[in-house]
């Protein structure tokens, strides 16, 4: 215990939150990224990045990895919930436009 690293997360200035969501490849990743950035403009969220991950077994789907840097006082689970809800809503809206 004397050599253990202790991290007190309540006093960290920022929280990193990552969420992943499968997106149909018919949805342009650049468009998805811009829409999610617009949707997550929130005083608690400092920055949003979207990366395209694996296509896994199908070329019809890619994985969007959404990385959020939030205020350290924000509830991480609440922010992740917001990120995923917005991502699902945007994926569904963009999918209907196809």
PDB file of N, CA and C in Angstrom:
ATOM      1  N   UNK A   1       0.809  -1.182   0.000  1.00  0.00           N
ATOM      2  CA  UNK A   1       0.000   0.000   0.000  1.00  0.00           C
ATOM      3  C   UNK A   1       0.867   1.266   0.000  1.00  0.00           C
ATOM      4  N   UNK A   2       2.045   1.194   0.549  1.00  0.00           N
ATOM      5  CA  UNK A   2       2.914   2.371   0.590  1.00  0.00           C
ATOM      6  C   UNK A   2       3.341   2.826  -0.798  1.00  0.00           C
ATOM      7  N   UNK A   3       3.450   1.899  -1.756  1.00  0.00           N
ATOM      8  CA  UNK A   3       3.870   2.237  -3.111  1.00  0.00           C
ATOM      9  C   UNK A   3       2.698   2.425  -4.063  1.00  0.00           C
ATOM     10  N   UNK A   4       1.484   2.355  -3.569  1.00  0.00           N
ATOM     11  CA  UNK A   4       0.306   2.445  -4.427  1.00  0.00           C
ATOM     12  C   UNK A   4       0.099   3.874  -4.920  1.00  0.00           C
ATOM     13  N   UNK A   5      -0.345   3.985  -6.150  1.00  0.00           N
ATOM     14  CA  UNK A   5      -0.696   5.273  -6.727  1.00  0.00           C
ATOM     15  C   UNK A   5      -2.150   5.560  -6.373  1.00  0.00           C
ATOM     16  N   UNK A   6      -2.390   6.698  -5.803  1.00  0.00           N
ATOM     17  CA  UNK A   6      -3.755   7.080  -5.428  1.00  0.00           C
ATOM     18  C   UNK A   6      -4.152   8.279  -6.277  1.00  0.00           C
ATOM     19  N   UNK A   7      -5.274   8.149  -6.959  1.00  0.00           N
ATOM     20  CA  UNK A   7      -5.796   9.236  -7.788  1.00  0.00           C
ATOM     21  C   UNK A   7      -7.125   9.671  -7.198  1.00  0.00           C
ATOM     22  N   UNK A   8      -7.189  10.921  -6.805  1.00  0.00           N
ATOM     23  CA  UNK A   8      -8.422  11.469  -6.250  1.00  0.00           C
ATOM     24  C   UNK A   8      -9.157  12.168  -7.390  1.00  0.00           C
ATOM     25  N   UNK A   9     -10.082  11.476  -8.010  1.00  0.00           N
ATOM     26  CA  UNK A   9     -10.738  11.974  -9.212  1.00  0.00           C
ATOM     27  C   UNK A   9     -11.648  13.178  -8.968  1.00  0.00           C
ATOM     28  N   UNK A  10     -12.077  13.395  -7.765  1.00  0.00           N
ATOM     29  CA  UNK A  10     -12.962  14.517  -7.492  1.00  0.00           C
ATOM     30  C   UNK A  10     -12.273  15.870  -7.676  1.00  0.00           C
ATOM     31  N   UNK A  11     -10.955  15.917  -7.598  1.00  0.00           N
ATOM     32  CA  UNK A  11     -10.253  17.180  -7.722  1.00  0.00           C
ATOM     33  C   UNK A  11      -9.545  17.343  -9.071  1.00  0.00           C
ATOM     34  N   UNK A  12      -9.694  16.382  -9.970  1.00  0.00           N
ATOM     35  CA  UNK A  12      -9.082  16.480 -11.292  1.00  0.00           C
ATOM     36  C   UNK A  12      -9.745  17.634 -12.055  1.00  0.00           C
ATOM     37  N   UNK A  13      -8.976  18.424 -12.802  1.00  0.00           N
ATOM     38  CA  UNK A  13      -9.578  19.556 -13.516  1.00  0.00           C
ATOM     39  C   UNK A  13     -10.455  19.126 -14.695  1.00  0.00           C
ATOM     40  N   UNK A  14     -10.188  17.936 -15.243  1.00  0.00           N
ATOM     41  CA  UNK A  14     -10.955  17.443 -16.386  1.00  0.00           C
ATOM     42  C   UNK A  14     -11.255  15.969 -16.219  1.00  0.00           C
ATOM     43  N   UNK A  15     -12.302  15.516 -16.907  1.00  0.00           N
ATOM     44  CA  UNK A  15     -12.625  14.096 -16.997  1.00  0.00           C
ATOM     45  C   UNK A  15     -12.639  13.720 -18.463  1.00  0.00           C
ATOM     46  N   UNK A  16     -12.015  12.595 -18.769  1.00  0.00           N
ATOM     47  CA  UNK A  16     -12.060  12.057 -20.133  1.00  0.00           C
ATOM     48  C   UNK A  16     -13.142  10.996 -20.186  1.00  0.00           C
ATOM     49  N   UNK A  17     -13.999  11.128 -21.161  1.00  0.00           N
ATOM     50  CA  UNK A  17     -15.086  10.172 -21.336  1.00  0.00           C
ATOM     51  C   UNK A  17     -15.020   9.675 -22.770  1.00  0.00           C
ATOM     52  N   UNK A  18     -15.102   8.349 -22.931  1.00  0.00           N
ATOM     53  CA  UNK A  18     -15.100   7.741 -24.269  1.00  0.00           C
ATOM     54  C   UNK A  18     -16.375   6.947 -24.449  1.00  0.00           C
ATOM     55  N   UNK A  19     -16.956   7.074 -25.620  1.00  0.00           N
ATOM     56  CA  UNK A  19     -18.139   6.298 -25.964  1.00  0.00           C
ATOM     57  C   UNK A  19     -17.960   5.791 -27.389  1.00  0.00           C
ATOM     58  N   UNK A  20     -18.490   4.614 -27.638  1.00  0.00           N
ATOM     59  CA  UNK A  20     -18.405   4.012 -28.977  1.00  0.00           C
ATOM     60  C   UNK A  20     -19.819   3.718 -29.470  1.00  0.00           C
ATOM     61  N   UNK A  21     -20.001   3.919 -30.762  1.00  0.00           N
ATOM     62  CA  UNK A  21     -21.307   3.624 -31.352  1.00  0.00           C
ATOM     63  C   UNK A  21     -21.087   3.155 -32.784  1.00  0.00           C
ATOM     64  N   UNK A  22     -21.843   2.154 -33.187  1.00  0.00           N
ATOM     65  CA  UNK A  22     -21.796   1.675 -34.564  1.00  0.00           C
ATOM     66  C   UNK A  22     -22.620   2.604 -35.437  1.00  0.00           C
ATOM     67  N   UNK A  23     -22.061   2.957 -36.590  1.00  0.00           N
ATOM     68  CA  UNK A  23     -22.699   3.890 -37.507  1.00  0.00           C
ATOM     69  C   UNK A  23     -22.694   3.259 -38.899  1.00  0.00           C
ATOM     70  N   UNK A  24     -23.823   3.320 -39.630  1.00  0.00           N
ATOM     71  CA  UNK A  24     -23.828   2.796 -41.000  1.00  0.00           C
ATOM     72  C   UNK A  24     -22.807   3.542 -41.862  1.00  0.00           C
ATOM     73  N   UNK A  25     -22.112   2.821 -42.725  1.00  0.00           N
ATOM     74  CA  UNK A  25     -21.085   3.452 -43.556  1.00  0.00           C
ATOM     75  C   UNK A  25     -21.677   4.424 -44.575  1.00  0.00           C
ATOM     76  N   UNK A  26     -22.986   4.405 -44.746  1.00  0.00           N
ATOM     77  CA  UNK A  26     -23.623   5.378 -45.634  1.00  0.00           C
ATOM     78  C   UNK A  26     -23.634   6.780 -45.021  1.00  0.00           C
ATOM     79  N   UNK A  27     -23.363   6.877 -43.721  1.00  0.00           N
ATOM     80  CA  UNK A  27     -23.302   8.175 -43.047  1.00  0.00           C
ATOM     81  C   UNK A  27     -21.854   8.655 -43.066  1.00  0.00           C
ATOM     82  N   UNK A  28     -21.643   9.808 -43.668  1.00  0.00           N
ATOM     83  CA  UNK A  28     -20.307  10.388 -43.779  1.00  0.00           C
ATOM     84  C   UNK A  28     -19.751  10.670 -42.375  1.00  0.00           C
ATOM     85  N   UNK A  29     -18.576  10.138 -42.045  1.00  0.00           N
ATOM     86  CA  UNK A  29     -18.019  10.366 -40.708  1.00  0.00           C
ATOM     87  C   UNK A  29     -17.759  11.836 -40.403  1.00  0.00           C
ATOM     88  N   UNK A  30     -17.433  12.629 -41.424  1.00  0.00           N
ATOM     89  CA  UNK A  30     -17.196  14.063 -41.215  1.00  0.00           C
ATOM     90  C   UNK A  30     -18.500  14.761 -40.809  1.00  0.00           C
ATOM     91  N   UNK A  31     -19.584  14.371 -41.449  1.00  0.00           N
ATOM     92  CA  UNK A  31     -20.896  14.954 -41.121  1.00  0.00           C
ATOM     93  C   UNK A  31     -21.306  14.530 -39.716  1.00  0.00           C
ATOM     94  N   UNK A  32     -21.132  13.248 -39.394  1.00  0.00           N
ATOM     95  CA  UNK A  32     -21.465  12.758 -38.059  1.00  0.00           C
ATOM     96  C   UNK A  32     -20.669  13.525 -37.010  1.00  0.00           C
ATOM     97  N   UNK A  33     -19.382  13.731 -37.265  1.00  0.00           N
ATOM     98  CA  UNK A  33     -18.526  14.433 -36.311  1.00  0.00           C
ATOM     99  C   UNK A  33     -19.000  15.870 -36.089  1.00  0.00           C
ATOM    100  N   UNK A  34     -19.303  16.578 -37.159  1.00  0.00           N
ATOM    101  CA  UNK A  34     -19.766  17.968 -37.015  1.00  0.00           C
ATOM    102  C   UNK A  34     -21.079  18.041 -36.245  1.00  0.00           C
ATOM    103  N   UNK A  35     -21.986  17.118 -36.545  1.00  0.00           N
ATOM    104  CA  UNK A  35     -23.287  17.126 -35.851  1.00  0.00           C
ATOM    105  C   UNK A  35     -23.136  16.820 -34.368  1.00  0.00           C
ATOM    106  N   UNK A  36     -22.281  15.877 -34.012  1.00  0.00           N
ATOM    107  CA  UNK A  36     -22.121  15.525 -32.598  1.00  0.00           C
ATOM    108  C   UNK A  36     -21.423  16.664 -31.853  1.00  0.00           C
ATOM    109  N   UNK A  37     -20.491  17.342 -32.500  1.00  0.00           N
ATOM    110  CA  UNK A  37     -19.834  18.487 -31.862  1.00  0.00           C
ATOM    111  C   UNK A  37     -20.840  19.604 -31.589  1.00  0.00           C
ATOM    112  N   UNK A  38     -21.719  19.863 -32.553  1.00  0.00           N
ATOM    113  CA  UNK A  38     -22.758  20.880 -32.360  1.00  0.00           C
ATOM    114  C   UNK A  38     -23.698  20.497 -31.216  1.00  0.00           C
ATOM    115  N   UNK A  39     -24.091  19.236 -31.184  1.00  0.00           N
ATOM    116  CA  UNK A  39     -25.058  18.768 -30.183  1.00  0.00           C
ATOM    117  C   UNK A  39     -24.486  18.784 -28.770  1.00  0.00           C
ATOM    118  N   UNK A  40     -23.185  18.655 -28.655  1.00  0.00           N
ATOM    119  CA  UNK A  40     -22.565  18.562 -27.328  1.00  0.00           C
ATOM    120  C   UNK A  40     -21.968  19.879 -26.852  1.00  0.00           C
ATOM    121  N   UNK A  41     -22.417  20.979 -27.442  1.00  0.00           N
ATOM    122  CA  UNK A  41     -21.990  22.287 -26.924  1.00  0.00           C
ATOM    123  C   UNK A  41     -22.682  22.488 -25.587  1.00  0.00           C
ATOM    124  N   UNK A  42     -21.905  22.380 -24.554  1.00  0.00           N
ATOM    125  CA  UNK A  42     -22.445  22.363 -23.194  1.00  0.00           C
ATOM    126  C   UNK A  42     -21.365  22.970 -22.304  1.00  0.00           C
ATOM    127  N   UNK A  43     -21.727  23.745 -21.331  1.00  0.00           N
ATOM    128  CA  UNK A  43     -20.749  24.364 -20.455  1.00  0.00           C
ATOM    129  C   UNK A  43     -19.859  23.369 -19.731  1.00  0.00           C
ATOM    130  N   UNK A  44     -20.342  22.143 -19.567  1.00  0.00           N
ATOM    131  CA  UNK A  44     -19.551  21.120 -18.873  1.00  0.00           C
ATOM    132  C   UNK A  44     -18.562  20.438 -19.789  1.00  0.00           C
ATOM    133  N   UNK A  45     -18.759  20.526 -21.091  1.00  0.00           N
ATOM    134  CA  UNK A  45     -17.923  19.822 -22.064  1.00  0.00           C
ATOM    135  C   UNK A  45     -16.942  20.797 -22.697  1.00  0.00           C
ATOM    136  N   UNK A  46     -15.667  20.494 -22.569  1.00  0.00           N
ATOM    137  CA  UNK A  46     -14.612  21.384 -23.061  1.00  0.00           C
ATOM    138  C   UNK A  46     -14.218  21.086 -24.504  1.00  0.00           C
ATOM    139  N   UNK A  47     -14.190  19.815 -24.877  1.00  0.00           N
ATOM    140  CA  UNK A  47     -13.830  19.464 -26.250  1.00  0.00           C
ATOM    141  C   UNK A  47     -14.424  18.107 -26.619  1.00  0.00           C
ATOM    142  N   UNK A  48     -14.607  17.919 -27.931  1.00  0.00           N
ATOM    143  CA  UNK A  48     -15.151  16.665 -28.471  1.00  0.00           C
ATOM    144  C   UNK A  48     -14.305  16.278 -29.682  1.00  0.00           C
ATOM    145  N   UNK A  49     -13.894  15.018 -29.716  1.00  0.00           N
ATOM    146  CA  UNK A  49     -13.187  14.464 -30.877  1.00  0.00           C
ATOM    147  C   UNK A  49     -13.900  13.192 -31.291  1.00  0.00           C
ATOM    148  N   UNK A  50     -13.964  12.964 -32.585  1.00  0.00           N
ATOM    149  CA  UNK A  50     -14.548  11.731 -33.102  1.00  0.00           C
ATOM    150  C   UNK A  50     -13.510  11.045 -33.979  1.00  0.00           C
ATOM    151  N   UNK A  51     -13.299   9.771 -33.708  1.00  0.00           N
ATOM    152  CA  UNK A  51     -12.387   8.959 -34.509  1.00  0.00           C
ATOM    153  C   UNK A  51     -13.189   7.821 -35.122  1.00  0.00           C
ATOM    154  N   UNK A  52     -12.772   7.399 -36.286  1.00  0.00           N
ATOM    155  CA  UNK A  52     -13.385   6.234 -36.903  1.00  0.00           C
ATOM    156  C   UNK A  52     -12.561   5.026 -36.508  1.00  0.00           C
ATOM    157  N   UNK A  53     -13.230   4.050 -35.904  1.00  0.00           N
ATOM    158  CA  UNK A  53     -12.546   2.842 -35.460  1.00  0.00           C
ATOM    159  C   UNK A  53     -12.686   1.738 -36.483  1.00  0.00           C
ATOM    160  N   UNK A  54     -12.793   0.572 -35.996  1.00  0.00           N
ATOM    161  CA  UNK A  54     -12.859  -0.627 -36.836  1.00  0.00           C
ATOM    162  C   UNK A  54     -14.155  -0.695 -37.641  1.00  0.00           C
ATOM    163  N   UNK A  55     -14.077  -1.430 -38.756  1.00  0.00           N
ATOM    164  CA  UNK A  55     -15.277  -1.750 -39.506  1.00  0.00           C
ATOM    165  C   UNK A  55     -15.753  -3.157 -39.160  1.00  0.00           C
ATOM    166  N   UNK A  56     -14.974  -3.845 -38.336  1.00  0.00           N
ATOM    167  CA  UNK A  56     -15.265  -5.191 -37.869  1.00  0.00           C
ATOM    168  C   UNK A  56     -15.538  -6.145 -39.008  1.00  0.00           C
ATOM    169  N   UNK A  57     -16.619  -6.888 -38.925  1.00  0.00           N
ATOM    170  CA  UNK A  57     -16.877  -7.961 -39.897  1.00  0.00           C
ATOM    171  C   UNK A  57     -17.610  -7.458 -41.126  1.00  0.00           C
ATOM    172  N   UNK A  58     -18.101  -6.272 -41.060  1.00  0.00           N
ATOM    173  CA  UNK A  58     -18.923  -5.772 -42.147  1.00  0.00           C
ATOM    174  C   UNK A  58     -18.382  -4.435 -42.634  1.00  0.00           C
ATOM    175  N   UNK A  59     -18.428  -4.228 -43.918  1.00  0.00           N
ATOM    176  CA  UNK A  59     -18.050  -2.919 -44.440  1.00  0.00           C
ATOM    177  C   UNK A  59     -19.240  -1.976 -44.462  1.00  0.00           C
ATOM    178  N   UNK A  60     -20.400  -2.437 -43.983  1.00  0.00           N
ATOM    179  CA  UNK A  60     -21.600  -1.600 -43.937  1.00  0.00           C
ATOM    180  C   UNK A  60     -21.672  -0.765 -42.667  1.00  0.00           C
ATOM    181  N   UNK A  61     -20.759  -1.006 -41.742  1.00  0.00           N
ATOM    182  CA  UNK A  61     -20.790  -0.325 -40.441  1.00  0.00           C
ATOM    183  C   UNK A  61     -19.365   0.064 -40.057  1.00  0.00           C
ATOM    184  N   UNK A  62     -19.223   1.242 -39.493  1.00  0.00           N
ATOM    185  CA  UNK A  62     -17.961   1.605 -38.861  1.00  0.00           C
ATOM    186  C   UNK A  62     -18.243   1.985 -37.414  1.00  0.00           C
ATOM    187  N   UNK A  63     -17.227   1.998 -36.622  1.00  0.00           N
ATOM    188  CA  UNK A  63     -17.388   2.348 -35.223  1.00  0.00           C
ATOM    189  C   UNK A  63     -16.872   3.767 -35.012  1.00  0.00           C
ATOM    190  N   UNK A  64     -17.749   4.637 -34.499  1.00  0.00           N
ATOM    191  CA  UNK A  64     -17.345   5.996 -34.151  1.00  0.00           C
ATOM    192  C   UNK A  64     -16.949   5.997 -32.680  1.00  0.00           C
ATOM    193  N   UNK A  65     -15.771   6.504 -32.412  1.00  0.00           N
ATOM    194  CA  UNK A  65     -15.276   6.624 -31.043  1.00  0.00           C
ATOM    195  C   UNK A  65     -15.335   8.105 -30.694  1.00  0.00           C
ATOM    196  N   UNK A  66     -16.161   8.429 -29.728  1.00  0.00           N
ATOM    197  CA  UNK A  66     -16.370   9.817 -29.335  1.00  0.00           C
ATOM    198  C   UNK A  66     -15.603  10.055 -28.038  1.00  0.00           C
ATOM    199  N   UNK A  67     -14.652  10.970 -28.086  1.00  0.00           N
ATOM    200  CA  UNK A  67     -13.840  11.296 -26.920  1.00  0.00           C
ATOM    201  C   UNK A  67     -14.196  12.700 -26.456  1.00  0.00           C
ATOM    202  N   UNK A  68     -14.594  12.794 -25.201  1.00  0.00           N
ATOM    203  CA  UNK A  68     -15.040  14.061 -24.632  1.00  0.00           C
ATOM    204  C   UNK A  68     -14.140  14.426 -23.466  1.00  0.00           C
ATOM    205  N   UNK A  69     -13.765  15.676 -23.409  1.00  0.00           N
ATOM    206  CA  UNK A  69     -13.058  16.214 -22.258  1.00  0.00           C
ATOM    207  C   UNK A  69     -14.060  17.114 -21.538  1.00  0.00           C
ATOM    208  N   UNK A  70     -14.416  16.715 -20.325  1.00  0.00           N
ATOM    209  CA  UNK A  70     -15.440  17.436 -19.562  1.00  0.00           C
ATOM    210  C   UNK A  70     -14.836  18.070 -18.326  1.00  0.00           C
ATOM    211  N   UNK A  71     -15.546  19.020 -17.789  1.00  0.00           N
ATOM    212  CA  UNK A  71     -15.147  19.667 -16.535  1.00  0.00           C
ATOM    213  C   UNK A  71     -14.991  18.611 -15.449  1.00  0.00           C
ATOM    214  N   UNK A  72     -13.989  18.750 -14.628  1.00  0.00           N
ATOM    215  CA  UNK A  72     -13.703  17.767 -13.589  1.00  0.00           C
ATOM    216  C   UNK A  72     -14.809  17.615 -12.566  1.00  0.00           C
ATOM    217  N   UNK A  73     -15.646  18.630 -12.411  1.00  0.00           N
ATOM    218  CA  UNK A  73     -16.745  18.554 -11.445  1.00  0.00           C
ATOM    219  C   UNK A  73     -17.989  17.892 -12.021  1.00  0.00           C
ATOM    220  N   UNK A  74     -18.015  17.667 -13.329  1.00  0.00           N
ATOM    221  CA  UNK A  74     -19.178  17.053 -13.976  1.00  0.00           C
ATOM    222  C   UNK A  74     -19.286  15.581 -13.598  1.00  0.00           C
ATOM    223  N   UNK A  75     -20.494  15.086 -13.606  1.00  0.00           N
ATOM    224  CA  UNK A  75     -20.755  13.662 -13.358  1.00  0.00           C
ATOM    225  C   UNK A  75     -20.415  12.897 -14.640  1.00  0.00           C
ATOM    226  N   UNK A  76     -19.383  12.069 -14.585  1.00  0.00           N
ATOM    227  CA  UNK A  76     -18.928  11.341 -15.767  1.00  0.00           C
ATOM    228  C   UNK A  76     -19.987  10.458 -16.384  1.00  0.00           C
ATOM    229  N   UNK A  77     -20.768   9.779 -15.557  1.00  0.00           N
ATOM    230  CA  UNK A  77     -21.829   8.903 -16.083  1.00  0.00           C
ATOM    231  C   UNK A  77     -22.924   9.719 -16.768  1.00  0.00           C
ATOM    232  N   UNK A  78     -23.229  10.877 -16.231  1.00  0.00           N
ATOM    233  CA  UNK A  78     -24.240  11.751 -16.838  1.00  0.00           C
ATOM    234  C   UNK A  78     -23.766  12.264 -18.193  1.00  0.00           C
ATOM    235  N   UNK A  79     -22.492  12.621 -18.278  1.00  0.00           N
ATOM    236  CA  UNK A  79     -21.932  13.093 -19.550  1.00  0.00           C
ATOM    237  C   UNK A  79     -21.921  11.963 -20.572  1.00  0.00           C
ATOM    238  N   UNK A  80     -21.518  10.766 -20.167  1.00  0.00           N
ATOM    239  CA  UNK A  80     -21.493   9.633 -21.098  1.00  0.00           C
ATOM    240  C   UNK A  80     -22.904   9.322 -21.594  1.00  0.00           C
ATOM    241  N   UNK A  81     -23.892   9.398 -20.709  1.00  0.00           N
ATOM    242  CA  UNK A  81     -25.279   9.188 -21.094  1.00  0.00           C
ATOM    243  C   UNK A  81     -25.693  10.220 -22.152  1.00  0.00           C
ATOM    244  N   UNK A  82     -25.344  11.480 -21.924  1.00  0.00           N
ATOM    245  CA  UNK A  82     -25.666  12.543 -22.881  1.00  0.00           C
ATOM    246  C   UNK A  82     -25.001  12.287 -24.227  1.00  0.00           C
ATOM    247  N   UNK A  83     -23.740  11.918 -24.208  1.00  0.00           N
ATOM    248  CA  UNK A  83     -22.994  11.650 -25.445  1.00  0.00           C
ATOM    249  C   UNK A  83     -23.661  10.531 -26.239  1.00  0.00           C
ATOM    250  N   UNK A  84     -23.981   9.430 -25.573  1.00  0.00           N
ATOM    251  CA  UNK A  84     -24.586   8.290 -26.280  1.00  0.00           C
ATOM    252  C   UNK A  84     -25.980   8.604 -26.783  1.00  0.00           C
ATOM    253  N   UNK A  85     -26.780   9.305 -25.988  1.00  0.00           N
ATOM    254  CA  UNK A  85     -28.135   9.672 -26.444  1.00  0.00           C
ATOM    255  C   UNK A  85     -28.074  10.549 -27.690  1.00  0.00           C
ATOM    256  N   UNK A  86     -27.188  11.546 -27.663  1.00  0.00           N
ATOM    257  CA  UNK A  86     -27.052  12.428 -28.827  1.00  0.00           C
ATOM    258  C   UNK A  86     -26.514  11.671 -30.032  1.00  0.00           C
ATOM    259  N   UNK A  87     -25.567  10.771 -29.811  1.00  0.00           N
ATOM    260  CA  UNK A  87     -25.003   9.991 -30.915  1.00  0.00           C
ATOM    261  C   UNK A  87     -26.069   9.112 -31.568  1.00  0.00           C
ATOM    262  N   UNK A  88     -26.901   8.485 -30.767  1.00  0.00           N
ATOM    263  CA  UNK A  88     -27.973   7.647 -31.310  1.00  0.00           C
ATOM    264  C   UNK A  88     -28.968   8.507 -32.087  1.00  0.00           C
ATOM    265  N   UNK A  89     -29.341   9.643 -31.525  1.00  0.00           N
ATOM    266  CA  UNK A  89     -30.300  10.535 -32.194  1.00  0.00           C
ATOM    267  C   UNK A  89     -29.751  10.999 -33.541  1.00  0.00           C
ATOM    268  N   UNK A  90     -28.491  11.422 -33.567  1.00  0.00           N
ATOM    269  CA  UNK A  90     -27.883  11.915 -34.800  1.00  0.00           C
ATOM    270  C   UNK A  90     -27.729  10.796 -35.815  1.00  0.00           C
ATOM    271  N   UNK A  91     -27.296   9.622 -35.368  1.00  0.00           N
ATOM    272  CA  UNK A  91     -27.182   8.475 -36.283  1.00  0.00           C
ATOM    273  C   UNK A  91     -28.526   8.172 -36.929  1.00  0.00           C
ATOM    274  N   UNK A  92     -29.584   8.175 -36.135  1.00  0.00           N
ATOM    275  CA  UNK A  92     -30.918   7.891 -36.669  1.00  0.00           C
ATOM    276  C   UNK A  92     -31.384   8.960 -37.641  1.00  0.00           C
ATOM    277  N   UNK A  93     -31.158  10.239 -37.303  1.00  0.00           N
ATOM    278  CA  UNK A  93     -31.547  11.337 -38.207  1.00  0.00           C
ATOM    279  C   UNK A  93     -30.804  11.266 -39.524  1.00  0.00           C
ATOM    280  N   UNK A  94     -29.498  11.069 -39.463  1.00  0.00           N
ATOM    281  CA  UNK A  94     -28.695  11.011 -40.690  1.00  0.00           C
ATOM    282  C   UNK A  94     -29.036   9.765 -41.509  1.00  0.00           C
ATOM    283  N   UNK A  95     -29.358   8.674 -40.830  1.00  0.00           N
ATOM    284  CA  UNK A  95     -29.741   7.453 -41.534  1.00  0.00           C
ATOM    285  C   UNK A  95     -31.035   7.606 -42.315  1.00  0.00           C
ATOM    286  N   UNK A  96     -31.956   8.397 -41.799  1.00  0.00           N
ATOM    287  CA  UNK A  96     -33.240   8.618 -42.491  1.00  0.00           C
ATOM    288  C   UNK A  96     -33.069   9.477 -43.730  1.00  0.00           C
ATOM    289  N   UNK A  97     -32.039  10.302 -43.757  1.00  0.00           N
ATOM    290  CA  UNK A  97     -31.789  11.199 -44.896  1.00  0.00           C
ATOM    291  C   UNK A  97     -31.195  10.455 -46.086  1.00  0.00           C
ATOM    292  N   UNK A  98     -30.762   9.231 -45.862  1.00  0.00           N
ATOM    293  CA  UNK A  98     -30.096   8.456 -46.917  1.00  0.00           C
ATOM    294  C   UNK A  98     -31.096   7.935 -47.928  1.00  0.00           C
TER     295      UNK A  98
END
